Amino acid sequence: MSTDHCHDDICITCSDTAVEVTIVEVHELAMATVDTGQGTEEVSIALVDAGAGDTILVHAGEAIAVVTRNETAAREE
């Protein structure tokens, strides 16, 4: 695995800790670009129903829960 996006020798979304991130863009194959607060990374959103603007909980590169939904995007659907 490439660690070009990792900081301080720890990958934010691939580490052994679950972190909150915000989805910036959703891609094909249930992948999304997320804002980690220190940059962007790509994670899987296959296990959750989430979209751009939603805050998700990510562990080991996989979204495991939706923390908050982007209400503006939800109203547009």
C-alpha atoms as a PDB file:
ATOM      1  CA  MET A   1       0.000   0.000   0.000  1.00  0.00           C
ATOM      2  CA  SER A   2       1.247   3.465  -0.861  1.00  0.00           C
ATOM      3  CA  THR A   3       1.739   5.761   2.108  1.00  0.00           C
ATOM      4  CA  ASP A   4       2.148   8.980   0.071  1.00  0.00           C
ATOM      5  CA  HIS A   5      -0.964  10.382   1.783  1.00  0.00           C
ATOM      6  CA  CYS A   6       0.060   9.342   5.287  1.00  0.00           C
ATOM      7  CA  HIS A   7       1.345  11.733   7.914  1.00  0.00           C
ATOM      8  CA  ASP A   8       3.830  11.054  10.702  1.00  0.00           C
ATOM      9  CA  ASP A   9       4.267   7.403   9.620  1.00  0.00           C
ATOM     10  CA  ILE A  10       0.578   6.745  10.409  1.00  0.00           C
ATOM     11  CA  CYS A  11      -2.114   6.530   7.769  1.00  0.00           C
ATOM     12  CA  ILE A  12      -5.134   8.385   9.094  1.00  0.00           C
ATOM     13  CA  THR A  13      -7.785   6.204   7.470  1.00  0.00           C
ATOM     14  CA  CYS A  14      -5.823   2.941   7.424  1.00  0.00           C
ATOM     15  CA  SER A  15      -4.564   2.971  11.000  1.00  0.00           C
ATOM     16  CA  ASP A  16      -5.973   0.919  13.864  1.00  0.00           C
ATOM     17  CA  THR A  17      -8.124   3.877  14.928  1.00  0.00           C
ATOM     18  CA  ALA A  18     -11.537   4.880  13.564  1.00  0.00           C
ATOM     19  CA  VAL A  19     -11.673   8.541  12.535  1.00  0.00           C
ATOM     20  CA  GLU A  20     -14.341  10.979  11.378  1.00  0.00           C
ATOM     21  CA  VAL A  21     -13.850  12.340   7.860  1.00  0.00           C
ATOM     22  CA  THR A  22     -16.046  14.227   5.391  1.00  0.00           C
ATOM     23  CA  ILE A  23     -16.849  12.890   1.945  1.00  0.00           C
ATOM     24  CA  VAL A  24     -15.701  15.274  -0.767  1.00  0.00           C
ATOM     25  CA  GLU A  25     -16.650  13.205  -3.823  1.00  0.00           C
ATOM     26  CA  VAL A  26     -18.201   9.801  -4.477  1.00  0.00           C
ATOM     27  CA  HIS A  27     -16.667   7.603  -7.198  1.00  0.00           C
ATOM     28  CA  GLU A  28     -17.604   4.373  -8.966  1.00  0.00           C
ATOM     29  CA  LEU A  29     -17.233   1.019  -7.225  1.00  0.00           C
ATOM     30  CA  ALA A  30     -18.330   2.412  -3.834  1.00  0.00           C
ATOM     31  CA  MET A  31     -15.204   4.524  -3.352  1.00  0.00           C
ATOM     32  CA  ALA A  32     -15.017   8.118  -2.155  1.00  0.00           C
ATOM     33  CA  THR A  33     -12.504  10.892  -1.705  1.00  0.00           C
ATOM     34  CA  VAL A  34     -12.606  12.178   1.864  1.00  0.00           C
ATOM     35  CA  ASP A  35     -11.202  15.198   3.670  1.00  0.00           C
ATOM     36  CA  THR A  36      -9.215  14.030   6.675  1.00  0.00           C
ATOM     37  CA  GLY A  37      -8.414  17.499   7.963  1.00  0.00           C
ATOM     38  CA  GLN A  38      -4.813  16.946   6.900  1.00  0.00           C
ATOM     39  CA  GLY A  39      -5.490  16.268   3.234  1.00  0.00           C
ATOM     40  CA  THR A  40      -7.566  13.918   1.132  1.00  0.00           C
ATOM     41  CA  GLU A  41      -7.628  10.137   0.864  1.00  0.00           C
ATOM     42  CA  GLU A  42      -9.687   7.535  -0.955  1.00  0.00           C
ATOM     43  CA  VAL A  43     -11.771   5.111   1.113  1.00  0.00           C
ATOM     44  CA  SER A  44     -14.427   2.478   0.515  1.00  0.00           C
ATOM     45  CA  ILE A  45     -18.037   3.398   1.305  1.00  0.00           C
ATOM     46  CA  ALA A  46     -19.441  -0.011   0.352  1.00  0.00           C
ATOM     47  CA  LEU A  47     -20.814  -0.704   3.844  1.00  0.00           C
ATOM     48  CA  VAL A  48     -22.667   2.599   4.322  1.00  0.00           C
ATOM     49  CA  ASP A  49     -25.249   4.709   2.505  1.00  0.00           C
ATOM     50  CA  ALA A  50     -23.356   7.992   2.306  1.00  0.00           C
ATOM     51  CA  GLY A  51     -22.803  10.836  -0.111  1.00  0.00           C
ATOM     52  CA  ALA A  52     -20.846  14.035  -0.657  1.00  0.00           C
ATOM     53  CA  GLY A  53     -20.854  16.261   2.408  1.00  0.00           C
ATOM     54  CA  ASP A  54     -21.633  13.446   4.844  1.00  0.00           C
ATOM     55  CA  THR A  55     -19.344  12.839   7.801  1.00  0.00           C
ATOM     56  CA  ILE A  56     -18.415   9.178   8.126  1.00  0.00           C
ATOM     57  CA  LEU A  57     -16.457   7.027  10.541  1.00  0.00           C
ATOM     58  CA  VAL A  58     -13.584   5.220   8.786  1.00  0.00           C
ATOM     59  CA  HIS A  59     -11.529   2.288  10.056  1.00  0.00           C
ATOM     60  CA  ALA A  60      -8.843   0.536   8.012  1.00  0.00           C
ATOM     61  CA  GLY A  61      -9.839   2.360   4.820  1.00  0.00           C
ATOM     62  CA  GLU A  62     -13.512   1.322   5.121  1.00  0.00           C
ATOM     63  CA  ALA A  63     -16.425   3.554   6.126  1.00  0.00           C
ATOM     64  CA  ILE A  64     -18.213   1.813   8.996  1.00  0.00           C
ATOM     65  CA  ALA A  65     -20.868   4.381   9.952  1.00  0.00           C
ATOM     66  CA  VAL A  66     -22.461   7.676   8.939  1.00  0.00           C
ATOM     67  CA  VAL A  67     -21.983  10.230  11.728  1.00  0.00           C
ATOM     68  CA  THR A  68     -23.879  13.151  10.177  1.00  0.00           C
ATOM     69  CA  ARG A  69     -25.632  13.593   6.857  1.00  0.00           C
ATOM     70  CA  ASN A  70     -25.326  16.574   4.551  1.00  0.00           C
ATOM     71  CA  GLU A  71     -28.926  17.794   4.853  1.00  0.00           C
ATOM     72  CA  THR A  72     -28.639  20.015   1.760  1.00  0.00           C
ATOM     73  CA  ALA A  73     -27.697  17.054  -0.445  1.00  0.00           C
ATOM     74  CA  ALA A  74     -30.397  14.899   1.144  1.00  0.00           C
ATOM     75  CA  ARG A  75     -33.081  17.465   0.245  1.00  0.00           C
ATOM     76  CA  GLU A  76     -31.885  17.659  -3.373  1.00  0.00           C
ATOM     77  CA  GLU A  77     -32.374  13.914  -3.954  1.00  0.00           C
END
